[in-house]
Amino acid sequence: MLLPIAQELWSYNGIAGSRGFRWSGFYSLLNVLSHPKNSEWTWVYKFFVGGQLFFLLTGFLKIWPRISSIMVYFFTVNLFLKASIFFTGGEVLINILLFYMMFVHNVSKENKFYPYQNLLNNVFFRIMLIQVCVLYFFSCIYKLPDENWTSGEAIMYVSRIPHFSSATFSALFQDNVVLSAIFTYLTLLYQGLFPLLVWFKRIKIPFLIVGVAFHLAIAFFMGIFTFAIIMIISYILFLEDNHISRLKRMVMIKGNQKSLTGEKMVKR
């Protein structure tokens, strides 16, 4: 999505500007695109974009999985930090989750390091779940001191800002105090209760479906697309094995139905 404006976002002299660079330990490795030398080496940002895409592909194909996970983290964080002024909290969540995922790998039970890797997998997987819960918790907490949220008028005021509202969103909320209050308080409830209710298996799936609808509304009515999609993807972490198997079966059934329909049309 961002490739057409890659130069503006990630080149040293692009619109995002430089964050400033100095050697300060590990952080310096995540701020390489702000190094002054890049004003001469104008190709560096292309190397980082290409590197990220390449190691995403090798990781997807399970080629050099450990190296791929480290390199995806390295390239992605550099890109997101360089243009952070144009991004949302979703990209910050990606940076954090990619760090945790460097420690999660599949190994066979015959491998002598299996017990240690299995421990790392379990620990960092649960840390990722907690991370998403922490995000929702503090998102709710930081809204509570704001009078616009506690009065129920936040959605109404947001709908009046052209850059954060579509025509449909504005028509629904900009002059409707009651509807605005309902959705403002529902937003606070969902974010505040997420860290608690998401652990209950009986209501987990309906609760996450509500969350998907909530974030899709943010994506298409408010235009904050990447943040919404990132949050929806993070829900995969909370699915049980049986949920994933069921989704796979549904996809396979729909795929078979489409192929059968196509065959019938061809025969006709």
C-alpha atoms as a PDB file:
ATOM      1  CA  MET A   1       0.000   0.000   0.000  1.00  0.00           C
ATOM      2  CA  LEU A   2       2.808   2.402   0.848  1.00  0.00           C
ATOM      3  CA  LEU A   3       5.139   1.607  -2.054  1.00  0.00           C
ATOM      4  CA  PRO A   4       3.845   4.506  -4.241  1.00  0.00           C
ATOM      5  CA  ILE A   5       4.975   6.985  -1.544  1.00  0.00           C
ATOM      6  CA  ALA A   6       8.014   5.029  -0.317  1.00  0.00           C
ATOM      7  CA  GLN A   7      10.475   7.799  -1.159  1.00  0.00           C
ATOM      8  CA  GLU A   8       8.469  10.458   0.697  1.00  0.00           C
ATOM      9  CA  LEU A   9       8.168   8.258   3.786  1.00  0.00           C
ATOM     10  CA  TRP A  10      11.552   6.590   4.075  1.00  0.00           C
ATOM     11  CA  SER A  11      14.255   8.448   2.162  1.00  0.00           C
ATOM     12  CA  TYR A  12      16.519  10.685   4.252  1.00  0.00           C
ATOM     13  CA  ASN A  13      15.281  13.835   2.508  1.00  0.00           C
ATOM     14  CA  GLY A  14      11.655  12.694   2.364  1.00  0.00           C
ATOM     15  CA  ILE A  15       8.677  14.482   3.859  1.00  0.00           C
ATOM     16  CA  ALA A  16       8.955  12.474   7.092  1.00  0.00           C
ATOM     17  CA  GLY A  17      12.336  14.075   7.777  1.00  0.00           C
ATOM     18  CA  SER A  18      15.123  12.633   9.906  1.00  0.00           C
ATOM     19  CA  ARG A  19      14.635  11.547  13.512  1.00  0.00           C
ATOM     20  CA  GLY A  20      18.246  12.423  14.242  1.00  0.00           C
ATOM     21  CA  PHE A  21      20.942   9.803  14.695  1.00  0.00           C
ATOM     22  CA  ARG A  22      23.558   9.049  17.317  1.00  0.00           C
ATOM     23  CA  TRP A  23      25.163   5.827  18.435  1.00  0.00           C
ATOM     24  CA  SER A  24      23.307   4.790  21.566  1.00  0.00           C
ATOM     25  CA  GLY A  25      23.414   1.021  21.800  1.00  0.00           C
ATOM     26  CA  PHE A  26      20.729  -1.261  20.396  1.00  0.00           C
ATOM     27  CA  TYR A  27      18.373   1.581  19.479  1.00  0.00           C
ATOM     28  CA  SER A  28      20.843   2.811  16.866  1.00  0.00           C
ATOM     29  CA  LEU A  29      20.264  -0.383  14.871  1.00  0.00           C
ATOM     30  CA  LEU A  30      16.556   0.492  14.714  1.00  0.00           C
ATOM     31  CA  ASN A  31      17.195   4.048  13.525  1.00  0.00           C
ATOM     32  CA  VAL A  32      19.553   3.383  10.607  1.00  0.00           C
ATOM     33  CA  LEU A  33      17.417   5.262   8.057  1.00  0.00           C
ATOM     34  CA  SER A  34      18.031   8.493   9.961  1.00  0.00           C
ATOM     35  CA  HIS A  35      21.824   8.244   9.598  1.00  0.00           C
ATOM     36  CA  PRO A  36      23.176  11.387   7.812  1.00  0.00           C
ATOM     37  CA  LYS A  37      25.071   9.230   5.323  1.00  0.00           C
ATOM     38  CA  ASN A  38      21.731   8.328   3.773  1.00  0.00           C
ATOM     39  CA  SER A  39      21.480  11.841   2.333  1.00  0.00           C
ATOM     40  CA  GLU A  40      24.172  10.671  -0.107  1.00  0.00           C
ATOM     41  CA  TRP A  41      23.115   7.013  -0.335  1.00  0.00           C
ATOM     42  CA  THR A  42      19.637   7.683  -1.661  1.00  0.00           C
ATOM     43  CA  TRP A  43      19.087   3.972  -2.415  1.00  0.00           C
ATOM     44  CA  VAL A  44      19.204   2.835   1.240  1.00  0.00           C
ATOM     45  CA  TYR A  45      15.444   3.026   1.859  1.00  0.00           C
ATOM     46  CA  LYS A  46      14.868   0.807  -1.201  1.00  0.00           C
ATOM     47  CA  PHE A  47      17.201  -1.775   0.319  1.00  0.00           C
ATOM     48  CA  PHE A  48      15.156  -1.759   3.538  1.00  0.00           C
ATOM     49  CA  VAL A  49      11.826  -2.067   1.721  1.00  0.00           C
ATOM     50  CA  GLY A  50      13.187  -4.869  -0.458  1.00  0.00           C
ATOM     51  CA  GLY A  51      14.795  -6.565   2.549  1.00  0.00           C
ATOM     52  CA  GLN A  52      11.543  -6.549   4.495  1.00  0.00           C
ATOM     53  CA  LEU A  53       9.578  -8.051   1.599  1.00  0.00           C
ATOM     54  CA  PHE A  54      12.274 -10.648   0.896  1.00  0.00           C
ATOM     55  CA  PHE A  55      12.468 -11.941   4.466  1.00  0.00           C
ATOM     56  CA  LEU A  56       8.684 -11.867   4.822  1.00  0.00           C
ATOM     57  CA  LEU A  57       8.621 -14.229   1.839  1.00  0.00           C
ATOM     58  CA  THR A  58      11.350 -16.533   3.192  1.00  0.00           C
ATOM     59  CA  GLY A  59       9.575 -16.611   6.557  1.00  0.00           C
ATOM     60  CA  PHE A  60       6.282 -17.475   4.890  1.00  0.00           C
ATOM     61  CA  LEU A  61       8.005 -20.282   2.980  1.00  0.00           C
ATOM     62  CA  LYS A  62       9.718 -21.460   6.212  1.00  0.00           C
ATOM     63  CA  ILE A  63      13.182 -20.813   4.787  1.00  0.00           C
ATOM     64  CA  TRP A  64      15.721 -19.777   7.434  1.00  0.00           C
ATOM     65  CA  PRO A  65      12.880 -19.133   9.926  1.00  0.00           C
ATOM     66  CA  ARG A  66      15.059 -17.815  12.767  1.00  0.00           C
ATOM     67  CA  ILE A  67      17.070 -15.498  10.537  1.00  0.00           C
ATOM     68  CA  SER A  68      13.905 -14.399   8.744  1.00  0.00           C
ATOM     69  CA  SER A  69      12.137 -13.438  11.974  1.00  0.00           C
ATOM     70  CA  ILE A  70      15.121 -11.355  13.117  1.00  0.00           C
ATOM     71  CA  MET A  71      15.510  -9.619   9.765  1.00  0.00           C
ATOM     72  CA  VAL A  72      11.779  -8.908   9.422  1.00  0.00           C
ATOM     73  CA  TYR A  73      11.911  -7.231  12.835  1.00  0.00           C
ATOM     74  CA  PHE A  74      15.033  -5.242  11.904  1.00  0.00           C
ATOM     75  CA  PHE A  75      13.739  -3.946   8.565  1.00  0.00           C
ATOM     76  CA  THR A  76      10.155  -3.335   9.730  1.00  0.00           C
ATOM     77  CA  VAL A  77      11.047  -1.387  12.865  1.00  0.00           C
ATOM     78  CA  ASN A  78      13.491   0.799  10.930  1.00  0.00           C
ATOM     79  CA  LEU A  79      10.815   1.603   8.357  1.00  0.00           C
ATOM     80  CA  PHE A  80       8.106   2.304  10.927  1.00  0.00           C
ATOM     81  CA  LEU A  81      10.346   4.450  13.135  1.00  0.00           C
ATOM     82  CA  LYS A  82      11.584   6.527  10.207  1.00  0.00           C
ATOM     83  CA  ALA A  83       8.042   7.485   9.191  1.00  0.00           C
ATOM     84  CA  SER A  84       6.403   7.168  12.609  1.00  0.00           C
ATOM     85  CA  ILE A  85       4.862  10.625  12.312  1.00  0.00           C
ATOM     86  CA  PHE A  86       2.518   9.239   9.625  1.00  0.00           C
ATOM     87  CA  PHE A  87       1.604   6.004  11.393  1.00  0.00           C
ATOM     88  CA  THR A  88      -0.758   4.941  14.185  1.00  0.00           C
ATOM     89  CA  GLY A  89      -0.572   2.799  17.297  1.00  0.00           C
ATOM     90  CA  GLY A  90      -1.087  -0.248  15.092  1.00  0.00           C
ATOM     91  CA  GLU A  91       2.451  -0.030  13.726  1.00  0.00           C
ATOM     92  CA  VAL A  92       3.787   0.245  17.280  1.00  0.00           C
ATOM     93  CA  LEU A  93       1.950  -2.971  18.147  1.00  0.00           C
ATOM     94  CA  ILE A  94       3.501  -4.666  15.101  1.00  0.00           C
ATOM     95  CA  ASN A  95       6.986  -3.641  16.244  1.00  0.00           C
ATOM     96  CA  ILE A  96       6.395  -5.120  19.693  1.00  0.00           C
ATOM     97  CA  LEU A  97       4.820  -8.361  18.444  1.00  0.00           C
ATOM     98  CA  LEU A  98       7.585  -8.892  15.888  1.00  0.00           C
ATOM     99  CA  PHE A  99      10.126  -8.641  18.717  1.00  0.00           C
ATOM    100  CA  TYR A 100       8.323 -11.340  20.698  1.00  0.00           C
ATOM    101  CA  MET A 101       7.942 -13.511  17.602  1.00  0.00           C
ATOM    102  CA  MET A 102      11.723 -13.732  17.189  1.00  0.00           C
ATOM    103  CA  PHE A 103      11.655 -16.117  20.158  1.00  0.00           C
ATOM    104  CA  VAL A 104       8.827 -18.327  18.873  1.00  0.00           C
ATOM    105  CA  HIS A 105       9.813 -21.211  16.577  1.00  0.00           C
ATOM    106  CA  ASN A 106       8.675 -24.714  15.699  1.00  0.00           C
ATOM    107  CA  VAL A 107      11.056 -27.536  16.614  1.00  0.00           C
ATOM    108  CA  SER A 108      10.502 -31.277  16.577  1.00  0.00           C
ATOM    109  CA  LYS A 109      10.196 -33.171  19.850  1.00  0.00           C
ATOM    110  CA  GLU A 110      13.302 -35.156  18.887  1.00  0.00           C
ATOM    111  CA  ASN A 111      15.384 -31.984  18.975  1.00  0.00           C
ATOM    112  CA  LYS A 112      17.504 -31.801  22.135  1.00  0.00           C
ATOM    113  CA  PHE A 113      16.571 -28.137  22.551  1.00  0.00           C
ATOM    114  CA  TYR A 114      12.827 -28.854  22.338  1.00  0.00           C
ATOM    115  CA  PRO A 115      12.089 -28.357  26.092  1.00  0.00           C
ATOM    116  CA  TYR A 116      13.778 -24.940  26.082  1.00  0.00           C
ATOM    117  CA  GLN A 117      12.210 -23.810  22.822  1.00  0.00           C
ATOM    118  CA  ASN A 118       8.802 -25.039  23.956  1.00  0.00           C
ATOM    119  CA  LEU A 119       9.198 -22.960  27.123  1.00  0.00           C
ATOM    120  CA  LEU A 120      10.100 -19.877  25.059  1.00  0.00           C
ATOM    121  CA  ASN A 121       7.146 -20.484  22.744  1.00  0.00           C
ATOM    122  CA  ASN A 122       4.671 -20.667  25.616  1.00  0.00           C
ATOM    123  CA  VAL A 123       6.125 -17.683  27.472  1.00  0.00           C
ATOM    124  CA  PHE A 124       6.301 -15.307  24.519  1.00  0.00           C
ATOM    125  CA  PHE A 125       2.962 -16.422  23.090  1.00  0.00           C
ATOM    126  CA  ARG A 126       1.282 -15.507  26.367  1.00  0.00           C
ATOM    127  CA  ILE A 127       3.209 -12.259  26.512  1.00  0.00           C
ATOM    128  CA  MET A 128       1.738 -11.375  23.099  1.00  0.00           C
ATOM    129  CA  LEU A 129      -1.783 -12.052  24.395  1.00  0.00           C
ATOM    130  CA  ILE A 130      -1.125  -9.879  27.431  1.00  0.00           C
ATOM    131  CA  GLN A 131       0.329  -7.144  25.203  1.00  0.00           C
ATOM    132  CA  VAL A 132      -2.908  -6.831  23.228  1.00  0.00           C
ATOM    133  CA  CYS A 133      -4.889  -6.745  26.474  1.00  0.00           C
ATOM    134  CA  VAL A 134      -2.611  -4.031  27.873  1.00  0.00           C
ATOM    135  CA  LEU A 135      -3.176  -1.976  24.719  1.00  0.00           C
ATOM    136  CA  TYR A 136      -6.957  -2.088  25.160  1.00  0.00           C
ATOM    137  CA  PHE A 137      -6.773  -1.452  28.895  1.00  0.00           C
ATOM    138  CA  PHE A 138      -4.688   1.708  28.596  1.00  0.00           C
ATOM    139  CA  SER A 139      -6.644   2.867  25.558  1.00  0.00           C
ATOM    140  CA  CYS A 140      -9.700   2.891  27.822  1.00  0.00           C
ATOM    141  CA  ILE A 141      -7.911   4.348  30.864  1.00  0.00           C
ATOM    142  CA  TYR A 142      -6.521   7.314  28.933  1.00  0.00           C
ATOM    143  CA  LYS A 143      -9.976   8.146  27.578  1.00  0.00           C
ATOM    144  CA  LEU A 144     -11.642   8.346  30.985  1.00  0.00           C
ATOM    145  CA  PRO A 145     -10.170  11.740  32.054  1.00  0.00           C
ATOM    146  CA  ASP A 146     -11.434  13.266  28.793  1.00  0.00           C
ATOM    147  CA  GLU A 147     -14.800  14.974  29.299  1.00  0.00           C
ATOM    148  CA  ASN A 148     -15.798  14.301  25.705  1.00  0.00           C
ATOM    149  CA  TRP A 149     -15.650  10.551  26.354  1.00  0.00           C
ATOM    150  CA  THR A 150     -17.262  10.542  29.779  1.00  0.00           C
ATOM    151  CA  SER A 151     -20.074  12.818  28.534  1.00  0.00           C
ATOM    152  CA  GLY A 152     -20.738  10.505  25.573  1.00  0.00           C
ATOM    153  CA  GLU A 153     -20.021  13.171  22.970  1.00  0.00           C
ATOM    154  CA  ALA A 154     -16.651  11.920  21.659  1.00  0.00           C
ATOM    155  CA  ILE A 155     -18.021  10.099  18.604  1.00  0.00           C
ATOM    156  CA  MET A 156     -20.141  13.117  17.732  1.00  0.00           C
ATOM    157  CA  TYR A 157     -17.137  15.478  17.798  1.00  0.00           C
ATOM    158  CA  VAL A 158     -14.965  13.058  15.812  1.00  0.00           C
ATOM    159  CA  SER A 159     -17.678  12.803  13.150  1.00  0.00           C
ATOM    160  CA  ARG A 160     -17.413  16.565  12.662  1.00  0.00           C
ATOM    161  CA  ILE A 161     -13.727  16.344  11.673  1.00  0.00           C
ATOM    162  CA  PRO A 162     -13.603  15.852   7.867  1.00  0.00           C
ATOM    163  CA  HIS A 163     -10.273  13.984   7.903  1.00  0.00           C
ATOM    164  CA  PHE A 164     -11.597  11.342  10.321  1.00  0.00           C
ATOM    165  CA  SER A 165     -15.123  10.807   9.073  1.00  0.00           C
ATOM    166  CA  SER A 166     -16.809   9.648   5.901  1.00  0.00           C
ATOM    167  CA  ALA A 167     -20.068  11.106   4.638  1.00  0.00           C
ATOM    168  CA  THR A 168     -22.010   8.209   6.192  1.00  0.00           C
ATOM    169  CA  PHE A 169     -20.238   8.571   9.541  1.00  0.00           C
ATOM    170  CA  SER A 170     -20.918  12.322   9.631  1.00  0.00           C
ATOM    171  CA  ALA A 171     -24.573  11.879   8.690  1.00  0.00           C
ATOM    172  CA  LEU A 172     -25.104   9.341  11.468  1.00  0.00           C
ATOM    173  CA  PHE A 173     -23.361  11.046  14.364  1.00  0.00           C
ATOM    174  CA  GLN A 174     -22.553  14.722  13.898  1.00  0.00           C
ATOM    175  CA  ASP A 175     -25.965  15.935  15.133  1.00  0.00           C
ATOM    176  CA  ASN A 176     -27.225  12.821  16.936  1.00  0.00           C
ATOM    177  CA  VAL A 177     -26.418  13.125  20.643  1.00  0.00           C
ATOM    178  CA  VAL A 178     -28.179   9.901  21.674  1.00  0.00           C
ATOM    179  CA  LEU A 179     -26.576   7.684  19.021  1.00  0.00           C
ATOM    180  CA  SER A 180     -23.196   9.259  19.725  1.00  0.00           C
ATOM    181  CA  ALA A 181     -23.539   8.537  23.449  1.00  0.00           C
ATOM    182  CA  ILE A 182     -24.491   4.904  22.802  1.00  0.00           C
ATOM    183  CA  PHE A 183     -21.463   4.204  20.613  1.00  0.00           C
ATOM    184  CA  THR A 184     -19.095   6.269  22.746  1.00  0.00           C
ATOM    185  CA  TYR A 185     -19.954   4.251  25.861  1.00  0.00           C
ATOM    186  CA  LEU A 186     -19.946   0.965  23.906  1.00  0.00           C
ATOM    187  CA  THR A 187     -16.406   1.785  22.768  1.00  0.00           C
ATOM    188  CA  LEU A 188     -15.293   2.422  26.341  1.00  0.00           C
ATOM    189  CA  LEU A 189     -16.999  -0.768  27.532  1.00  0.00           C
ATOM    190  CA  TYR A 190     -15.445  -2.921  24.846  1.00  0.00           C
ATOM    191  CA  GLN A 191     -11.931  -1.603  25.416  1.00  0.00           C
ATOM    192  CA  GLY A 192     -12.240  -1.707  29.183  1.00  0.00           C
ATOM    193  CA  LEU A 193     -13.713  -5.217  29.336  1.00  0.00           C
ATOM    194  CA  PHE A 194     -11.511  -6.764  26.630  1.00  0.00           C
ATOM    195  CA  PRO A 195      -8.673  -7.748  29.025  1.00  0.00           C
ATOM    196  CA  LEU A 196     -11.233  -9.648  31.130  1.00  0.00           C
ATOM    197  CA  LEU A 197     -13.860 -11.123  28.777  1.00  0.00           C
ATOM    198  CA  VAL A 198     -11.479 -12.347  26.072  1.00  0.00           C
ATOM    199  CA  TRP A 199     -10.330 -15.161  28.392  1.00  0.00           C
ATOM    200  CA  PHE A 200     -13.804 -16.715  28.756  1.00  0.00           C
ATOM    201  CA  LYS A 201     -14.072 -19.458  26.128  1.00  0.00           C
ATOM    202  CA  ARG A 202     -17.882 -19.464  25.932  1.00  0.00           C
ATOM    203  CA  ILE A 203     -18.140 -15.826  24.924  1.00  0.00           C
ATOM    204  CA  LYS A 204     -14.733 -15.330  23.309  1.00  0.00           C
ATOM    205  CA  ILE A 205     -15.796 -15.777  19.672  1.00  0.00           C
ATOM    206  CA  PRO A 206     -18.936 -13.546  19.839  1.00  0.00           C
ATOM    207  CA  PHE A 207     -16.876 -10.973  21.738  1.00  0.00           C
ATOM    208  CA  LEU A 208     -14.133 -10.981  19.100  1.00  0.00           C
ATOM    209  CA  ILE A 209     -16.737 -10.743  16.325  1.00  0.00           C
ATOM    210  CA  VAL A 210     -18.013  -7.559  17.986  1.00  0.00           C
ATOM    211  CA  GLY A 211     -14.411  -6.331  17.991  1.00  0.00           C
ATOM    212  CA  VAL A 212     -14.009  -7.099  14.295  1.00  0.00           C
ATOM    213  CA  ALA A 213     -17.158  -5.099  13.522  1.00  0.00           C
ATOM    214  CA  PHE A 214     -15.884  -2.279  15.759  1.00  0.00           C
ATOM    215  CA  HIS A 215     -12.533  -2.078  13.957  1.00  0.00           C
ATOM    216  CA  LEU A 216     -14.067  -2.415  10.488  1.00  0.00           C
ATOM    217  CA  ALA A 217     -16.206   0.602  11.336  1.00  0.00           C
ATOM    218  CA  ILE A 218     -13.027   2.484  12.282  1.00  0.00           C
ATOM    219  CA  ALA A 219     -11.412   1.407   9.005  1.00  0.00           C
ATOM    220  CA  PHE A 220     -14.218   2.361   6.615  1.00  0.00           C
ATOM    221  CA  PHE A 221     -16.055   5.152   8.445  1.00  0.00           C
ATOM    222  CA  MET A 222     -13.066   6.955   9.994  1.00  0.00           C
ATOM    223  CA  GLY A 223     -10.427   6.061   7.412  1.00  0.00           C
ATOM    224  CA  ILE A 224      -7.904   4.697   9.955  1.00  0.00           C
ATOM    225  CA  PHE A 225      -7.491   1.587   7.859  1.00  0.00           C
ATOM    226  CA  THR A 226      -4.120   0.104   8.820  1.00  0.00           C
ATOM    227  CA  PHE A 227      -4.718   0.390  12.567  1.00  0.00           C
ATOM    228  CA  ALA A 228      -8.062  -1.374  12.279  1.00  0.00           C
ATOM    229  CA  ILE A 229      -6.723  -4.222  10.131  1.00  0.00           C
ATOM    230  CA  ILE A 230      -3.709  -4.730  12.420  1.00  0.00           C
ATOM    231  CA  MET A 231      -5.985  -5.044  15.456  1.00  0.00           C
ATOM    232  CA  ILE A 232      -8.247  -7.530  13.669  1.00  0.00           C
ATOM    233  CA  ILE A 233      -5.234  -9.650  12.662  1.00  0.00           C
ATOM    234  CA  SER A 234      -4.012  -9.641  16.289  1.00  0.00           C
ATOM    235  CA  TYR A 235      -7.250 -11.441  17.245  1.00  0.00           C
ATOM    236  CA  ILE A 236      -5.864 -14.584  15.597  1.00  0.00           C
ATOM    237  CA  LEU A 237      -3.640 -14.931  18.672  1.00  0.00           C
ATOM    238  CA  PHE A 238      -6.715 -15.535  20.845  1.00  0.00           C
ATOM    239  CA  LEU A 239      -8.217 -18.304  18.709  1.00  0.00           C
ATOM    240  CA  GLU A 240      -8.075 -21.910  19.910  1.00  0.00           C
ATOM    241  CA  ASP A 241      -6.907 -24.759  17.665  1.00  0.00           C
ATOM    242  CA  ASN A 242     -10.498 -25.899  17.096  1.00  0.00           C
ATOM    243  CA  HIS A 243     -11.501 -22.380  16.005  1.00  0.00           C
ATOM    244  CA  ILE A 244      -8.680 -22.272  13.445  1.00  0.00           C
ATOM    245  CA  SER A 245      -9.562 -25.767  12.181  1.00  0.00           C
ATOM    246  CA  ARG A 246     -13.189 -24.691  11.780  1.00  0.00           C
ATOM    247  CA  LEU A 247     -12.161 -21.599   9.829  1.00  0.00           C
ATOM    248  CA  LYS A 248      -9.956 -23.714   7.566  1.00  0.00           C
ATOM    249  CA  ARG A 249     -12.846 -26.084   6.887  1.00  0.00           C
ATOM    250  CA  MET A 250     -15.153 -23.162   6.085  1.00  0.00           C
ATOM    251  CA  VAL A 251     -12.602 -21.722   3.644  1.00  0.00           C
ATOM    252  CA  MET A 252     -12.084 -25.120   2.008  1.00  0.00           C
ATOM    253  CA  ILE A 253     -15.837 -25.703   1.676  1.00  0.00           C
ATOM    254  CA  LYS A 254     -16.373 -22.278   0.105  1.00  0.00           C
ATOM    255  CA  GLY A 255     -13.401 -22.850  -2.190  1.00  0.00           C
ATOM    256  CA  ASN A 256     -14.793 -26.223  -3.304  1.00  0.00           C
ATOM    257  CA  GLN A 257     -18.232 -24.717  -3.861  1.00  0.00           C
ATOM    258  CA  LYS A 258     -16.777 -21.996  -6.076  1.00  0.00           C
ATOM    259  CA  SER A 259     -14.742 -24.495  -8.075  1.00  0.00           C
ATOM    260  CA  LEU A 260     -17.821 -26.711  -8.572  1.00  0.00           C
ATOM    261  CA  THR A 261     -19.872 -23.710  -9.671  1.00  0.00           C
ATOM    262  CA  GLY A 262     -17.139 -22.775 -12.109  1.00  0.00           C
ATOM    263  CA  GLU A 263     -17.030 -26.299 -13.527  1.00  0.00           C
ATOM    264  CA  LYS A 264     -20.804 -26.320 -14.029  1.00  0.00           C
ATOM    265  CA  MET A 265     -20.675 -22.986 -15.855  1.00  0.00           C
ATOM    266  CA  VAL A 266     -17.886 -24.274 -18.095  1.00  0.00           C
ATOM    267  CA  LYS A 267     -19.902 -27.407 -18.923  1.00  0.00           C
ATOM    268  CA  ARG A 268     -22.925 -25.292 -19.774  1.00  0.00           C
END
